[in-house]
Protein backbone atom coordinates (compact mmCIF):
# COMPACT_ATOMS: atom_id res chain seq x y z
CA UNK A 1 0.00 0.00 0.00
CA UNK A 2 1.30 3.43 -0.98
CA UNK A 3 0.36 6.33 1.26
CA UNK A 4 0.86 10.03 1.92
CA UNK A 5 0.93 11.34 5.49
CA UNK A 6 -0.10 14.87 6.45
CA UNK A 7 0.10 16.25 9.98
CA UNK A 8 -1.87 19.32 11.03
CA UNK A 9 -4.47 18.31 8.46
CA UNK A 10 -7.53 19.58 10.32
CA UNK A 11 -7.13 23.18 9.13
CA UNK A 12 -4.91 25.77 7.46
CA UNK A 13 -1.95 24.75 5.35
CA UNK A 14 -2.12 21.11 6.44
CA UNK A 15 -5.68 20.70 5.21
CA UNK A 16 -4.86 22.48 1.98
CA UNK A 17 -1.86 20.20 1.39
CA UNK A 18 -4.12 17.18 1.85
CA UNK A 19 -6.53 18.59 -0.72
CA UNK A 20 -3.87 19.43 -3.33
CA UNK A 21 -1.23 16.71 -3.00
CA UNK A 22 -2.97 14.27 -5.34
CA UNK A 23 -2.15 16.61 -8.23
CA UNK A 24 1.42 15.29 -7.93
CA UNK A 25 1.15 11.88 -6.27
CA UNK A 26 -1.78 9.47 -6.14
CA UNK A 27 -1.42 7.15 -3.15
CA UNK A 28 -3.81 4.41 -2.15
CA UNK A 29 -4.51 6.29 1.08
CA UNK A 30 -3.82 9.66 2.61
CA UNK A 31 -3.29 9.47 6.36
CA UNK A 32 -4.42 12.77 7.85
CA UNK A 33 -3.29 13.49 11.40
CA UNK A 34 -4.48 16.10 13.88
CA UNK A 35 -6.24 16.33 17.23
CA UNK A 36 -9.73 17.08 15.88
CA UNK A 37 -11.14 13.88 14.44
CA UNK A 38 -14.34 15.53 13.22
CA UNK A 39 -12.34 18.01 11.11
CA UNK A 40 -10.33 15.14 9.63
CA UNK A 41 -13.50 13.20 8.86
CA UNK A 42 -14.73 16.12 6.77
CA UNK A 43 -11.99 15.34 4.22
CA UNK A 44 -13.81 12.14 3.20
CA UNK A 45 -14.98 12.41 -0.39
CA UNK A 46 -12.80 15.43 -1.16
CA UNK A 47 -9.81 13.43 -2.43
CA UNK A 48 -9.65 10.94 -5.32
CA UNK A 49 -8.34 8.24 -2.95
CA UNK A 50 -9.10 6.85 0.48
CA UNK A 51 -8.63 9.09 3.49
CA UNK A 52 -7.67 7.64 6.86
CA UNK A 53 -8.31 10.08 9.73
CA UNK A 54 -5.89 9.53 12.63
CA UNK A 55 -6.67 11.60 15.70
CA UNK A 56 -3.38 12.20 17.54
CA UNK A 57 -2.00 14.95 19.74
CA UNK A 58 1.62 15.31 18.61
CA UNK A 59 2.57 17.03 21.85
CA UNK A 60 2.05 13.68 23.60
CA UNK A 61 4.65 10.92 23.45
CA UNK A 62 2.06 8.14 23.28
CA UNK A 63 0.85 9.52 19.96
CA UNK A 64 4.18 8.62 18.37
CA UNK A 65 3.96 5.14 19.83
CA UNK A 66 0.53 4.75 18.22
CA UNK A 67 1.82 6.06 14.87
CA UNK A 68 4.86 3.76 14.97
CA UNK A 69 2.64 0.77 15.78
CA UNK A 70 0.32 1.63 12.89
CA UNK A 71 3.25 1.80 10.47
CA UNK A 72 4.59 -1.50 11.71
CA UNK A 73 1.20 -3.16 11.34
CA UNK A 74 0.37 -1.79 7.87
CA UNK A 75 3.91 -1.78 6.41
CA UNK A 76 3.06 0.91 3.82
CA UNK A 77 5.36 2.63 1.36
CA UNK A 78 5.22 6.31 2.28
CA UNK A 79 5.44 8.32 -0.91
CA UNK A 80 5.04 11.71 0.76
CA UNK A 81 5.26 13.05 4.31
CA UNK A 82 4.07 16.59 5.02
CA UNK A 83 4.79 17.93 8.49
CA UNK A 84 2.37 20.84 8.73
CA UNK A 85 1.46 20.65 12.43
CA UNK A 86 2.58 23.67 14.40
CA UNK A 87 1.49 26.79 16.23
CA UNK A 88 2.80 30.10 17.52
CA UNK A 89 2.09 32.66 20.21
CA UNK A 90 2.79 36.36 19.66
CA UNK A 91 3.58 38.99 22.28
CA UNK A 92 6.16 39.85 24.97
CA UNK A 93 7.93 36.65 25.95
CA UNK A 94 7.14 37.26 29.62
CA UNK A 95 3.42 37.22 28.77
CA UNK A 96 3.55 33.90 26.92
CA UNK A 97 3.01 31.06 29.36
CA UNK A 98 5.98 28.76 29.87
CA UNK A 99 3.82 25.79 28.95
CA UNK A 100 3.03 27.44 25.60
CA UNK A 101 6.74 27.95 24.90
CA UNK A 102 7.34 24.31 25.75
CA UNK A 103 4.49 23.16 23.51
CA UNK A 104 5.87 25.21 20.62
CA UNK A 105 9.14 23.34 20.98
CA UNK A 106 7.29 20.04 21.32
CA UNK A 107 5.09 20.49 18.25
CA UNK A 108 7.14 22.66 15.91
CA UNK A 109 10.47 20.88 16.50
CA UNK A 110 10.25 17.59 18.39
CA UNK A 111 7.11 16.34 16.67
CA UNK A 112 8.45 17.24 13.22
CA UNK A 113 11.73 15.49 13.95
CA UNK A 114 10.03 12.42 15.41
CA UNK A 115 7.53 12.06 12.56
CA UNK A 116 10.39 12.32 10.09
CA UNK A 117 12.49 9.70 11.87
CA UNK A 118 9.58 7.26 12.32
CA UNK A 119 8.47 7.59 8.70
CA UNK A 120 11.82 7.39 6.91
CA UNK A 121 12.22 3.59 7.24
CA UNK A 122 9.03 3.27 5.17
CA UNK A 123 10.22 5.52 2.36
CA UNK A 124 12.00 4.39 -0.80
CA UNK A 125 13.77 6.10 -3.66
CA UNK A 126 11.47 8.78 -5.05
CA UNK A 127 9.95 9.60 -1.66
CA UNK A 128 9.37 13.21 -0.63
CA UNK A 129 9.25 15.05 2.70
CA UNK A 130 7.91 18.57 3.04
CA UNK A 131 8.43 20.48 6.29
CA UNK A 132 6.26 23.56 6.89
CA UNK A 133 8.53 26.34 8.07
CA UNK A 134 8.17 30.13 8.16
CA UNK A 135 9.71 33.35 6.93
CA UNK A 136 10.64 33.94 10.58
CA UNK A 137 13.21 31.11 10.28
CA UNK A 138 15.66 33.49 8.61
CA UNK A 139 15.94 36.04 11.44
CA UNK A 140 15.37 36.53 15.18
CA UNK A 141 11.94 38.11 15.69
CA UNK A 142 11.13 40.11 18.86
CA UNK A 143 7.63 39.35 20.20
CA UNK A 144 7.64 36.11 18.22
CA UNK A 145 10.83 34.91 19.86
CA UNK A 146 10.14 31.25 20.58
CA UNK A 147 8.12 30.60 17.43
CA UNK A 148 10.84 32.10 15.23
CA UNK A 149 13.51 30.07 17.01
CA UNK A 150 11.59 26.83 16.43
CA UNK A 151 11.31 27.63 12.74
CA UNK A 152 15.05 28.33 12.51
CA UNK A 153 15.53 24.77 13.74
CA UNK A 154 13.16 23.43 11.08
CA UNK A 155 15.01 25.24 8.30
CA UNK A 156 18.45 24.08 9.39
CA UNK A 157 17.34 20.51 10.06
CA UNK A 158 15.52 20.23 6.72
CA UNK A 159 18.40 21.50 4.63
CA UNK A 160 20.88 19.23 6.36
CA UNK A 161 18.92 15.98 6.08
CA UNK A 162 18.06 16.78 2.46
CA UNK A 163 21.77 16.50 1.70
CA UNK A 164 22.11 13.31 3.72
CA UNK A 165 19.15 11.61 2.04
CA UNK A 166 20.06 12.49 -1.56
CA UNK A 167 22.01 9.24 -2.07
CA UNK A 168 18.84 7.34 -1.11
CA UNK A 169 16.77 9.28 -3.65
CA UNK A 170 14.62 10.90 -0.97
CA UNK A 171 13.97 14.61 -1.32
CA UNK A 172 13.36 16.94 1.65
CA UNK A 173 12.21 20.54 1.33
CA UNK A 174 11.08 23.31 3.66
CA UNK A 175 8.29 25.70 2.76
CA UNK A 176 8.84 29.12 4.32
CA UNK A 177 5.80 31.33 3.75
CA UNK A 178 5.18 34.86 4.89
CA UNK A 179 1.87 35.70 6.56
CA UNK A 180 -0.86 33.26 5.54
CA UNK A 181 -4.53 33.83 6.40
CA UNK A 182 -5.40 30.67 8.35
CA UNK A 183 -6.58 29.61 11.80
CA UNK A 184 -2.96 30.00 12.91
CA UNK A 185 -3.86 33.49 14.13
CA UNK A 186 -6.51 32.14 16.52
CA UNK A 187 -3.73 30.88 18.79
CA UNK A 188 -1.05 33.38 17.88
CA UNK A 189 -3.04 36.48 18.83
CA UNK A 190 -4.20 35.25 22.25
CA UNK A 191 -1.18 36.77 24.03
CA UNK A 192 -0.32 39.43 21.46
CA UNK A 193 -1.27 42.52 23.54
CA UNK A 194 -1.11 44.65 20.38
CA UNK A 195 2.66 44.25 20.06
CA UNK A 196 2.63 42.52 16.67
CA UNK A 197 0.28 44.47 14.44
CA UNK A 198 2.05 45.07 11.14
CA UNK A 199 1.32 42.39 8.55
CA UNK A 200 2.69 43.67 5.25
CA UNK A 201 0.98 41.04 3.07
CA UNK A 202 -1.45 38.23 3.70
CA UNK A 203 -1.34 35.25 1.34
CA UNK A 204 -4.03 32.66 0.67
CA UNK A 205 -3.16 29.12 1.83
CA UNK A 206 -4.21 27.70 -1.54
CA UNK A 207 -1.55 29.76 -3.31
CA UNK A 208 1.23 28.95 -0.84
CA UNK A 209 0.47 25.22 -1.09
CA UNK A 210 0.31 25.31 -4.89
CA UNK A 211 3.78 26.87 -5.04
CA UNK A 212 5.21 24.51 -2.42
CA UNK A 213 4.04 21.33 -4.18
CA UNK A 214 5.29 22.60 -7.52
CA UNK A 215 8.69 23.37 -6.01
CA UNK A 216 8.84 20.00 -4.24
CA UNK A 217 8.13 17.96 -7.37
CA UNK A 218 9.33 20.19 -10.22
CA UNK A 219 12.48 21.88 -8.90
CA UNK A 220 15.61 21.05 -6.91
CA UNK A 221 15.05 23.73 -4.26
CA UNK A 222 15.52 22.89 -0.60
CA UNK A 223 13.33 25.86 0.42
CA UNK A 224 10.09 27.02 -1.20
CA UNK A 225 9.15 30.68 -0.73
CA UNK A 226 5.88 31.94 -2.18
CA UNK A 227 5.72 35.52 -3.41
CA UNK A 228 8.36 37.82 -4.84
CA UNK A 229 8.17 40.29 -1.89
CA UNK A 230 8.87 37.47 0.57
CA UNK A 231 11.79 36.17 -1.50
CA UNK A 232 13.25 39.68 -1.66
CA UNK A 233 12.88 40.03 2.11
CA UNK A 234 14.77 36.79 2.66
CA UNK A 235 17.62 38.03 0.49
CA UNK A 236 17.83 41.31 2.38
CA UNK A 237 17.81 39.54 5.74
CA UNK A 238 20.78 37.46 4.62
CA UNK A 239 22.74 40.58 3.74
CA UNK A 240 21.89 42.91 6.63
CA UNK A 241 22.99 42.62 10.28
CA UNK A 242 20.28 40.98 12.35
CA UNK A 243 20.44 43.83 14.84
CA UNK A 244 19.32 46.21 12.07
CA UNK A 245 16.68 43.78 10.80
CA UNK A 246 15.16 43.55 14.28
CA UNK A 247 15.10 47.34 14.66
CA UNK A 248 13.27 47.67 11.35
CA UNK A 249 10.78 45.02 12.47
CA UNK A 250 10.14 46.85 15.75
CA UNK A 251 9.59 50.16 13.97
CA UNK A 252 7.11 48.51 11.62
CA UNK A 253 4.98 47.41 14.57
CA UNK A 254 4.29 51.06 15.41
CA UNK A 255 2.09 51.31 12.29
CA UNK A 256 -0.74 48.75 12.12
CA UNK A 257 -1.36 47.12 8.77
CA UNK A 258 -3.70 44.27 7.81
CA UNK A 259 -4.20 43.50 11.50
CA UNK A 260 -8.00 43.29 11.53
CA UNK A 261 -10.18 40.20 11.12
CA UNK A 262 -7.23 37.84 11.42
CA UNK A 263 -8.92 35.51 13.87
CA UNK A 264 -12.01 33.39 13.34
CA UNK A 265 -14.55 31.73 15.60
CA UNK A 266 -13.40 28.28 14.54
CA UNK A 267 -12.37 26.04 17.41
CA UNK A 268 -8.74 25.01 17.59
């Protein structure tokens, strides 16, 4: 049995990846993973292949034991793994609860690493791994300190293992979008306290996912960045001192832009 695995598939980029991935790979099943089983069940009938909802909380160690046991029992060939599970909290770091910082590390870094390691033994030549990263991976970001640091890990880890896995014919790529209008903001803005309020551009998840899948299957990039303005920003960040980049970021927050109607009433 050939499968694709998508974490964070209940909403946002993860759900959109589940909906679009069959344009490039047609597995027998797509395993969709998230906490909310009812949201995963809603994907039935929306893909041209079977969907297997797997309700797991990837901040809990027992979830990985369940996933590993399922792999061992089914013995699938994993054609594609998409690690899209993650969350962030904005605001002064003293106002973000310690448990939230810890959960960001658990989900954004440890879960991504663990899912990658558990899945790799079931991948063959021609397999693909896509890790959802962020524009914030390229610079330290005041008031998004922990989230940005977790994404810096994802970027570094992804690029490194992509080189290691090339001899096996397995391709690994990060997707590093700018601001994307998804349920991500429902969590992120809870502790914001009006400190992060400048959002230069908001992209649609459908467009970011379309670019990412094209880059994964049609290019040799190890990082996919949607939108010319975002790509230009990444280039500037690489050239300028991070102290200056952070000062520019802080000045931008003094002028609100696109900061209304970012959150929804959808339950996370």
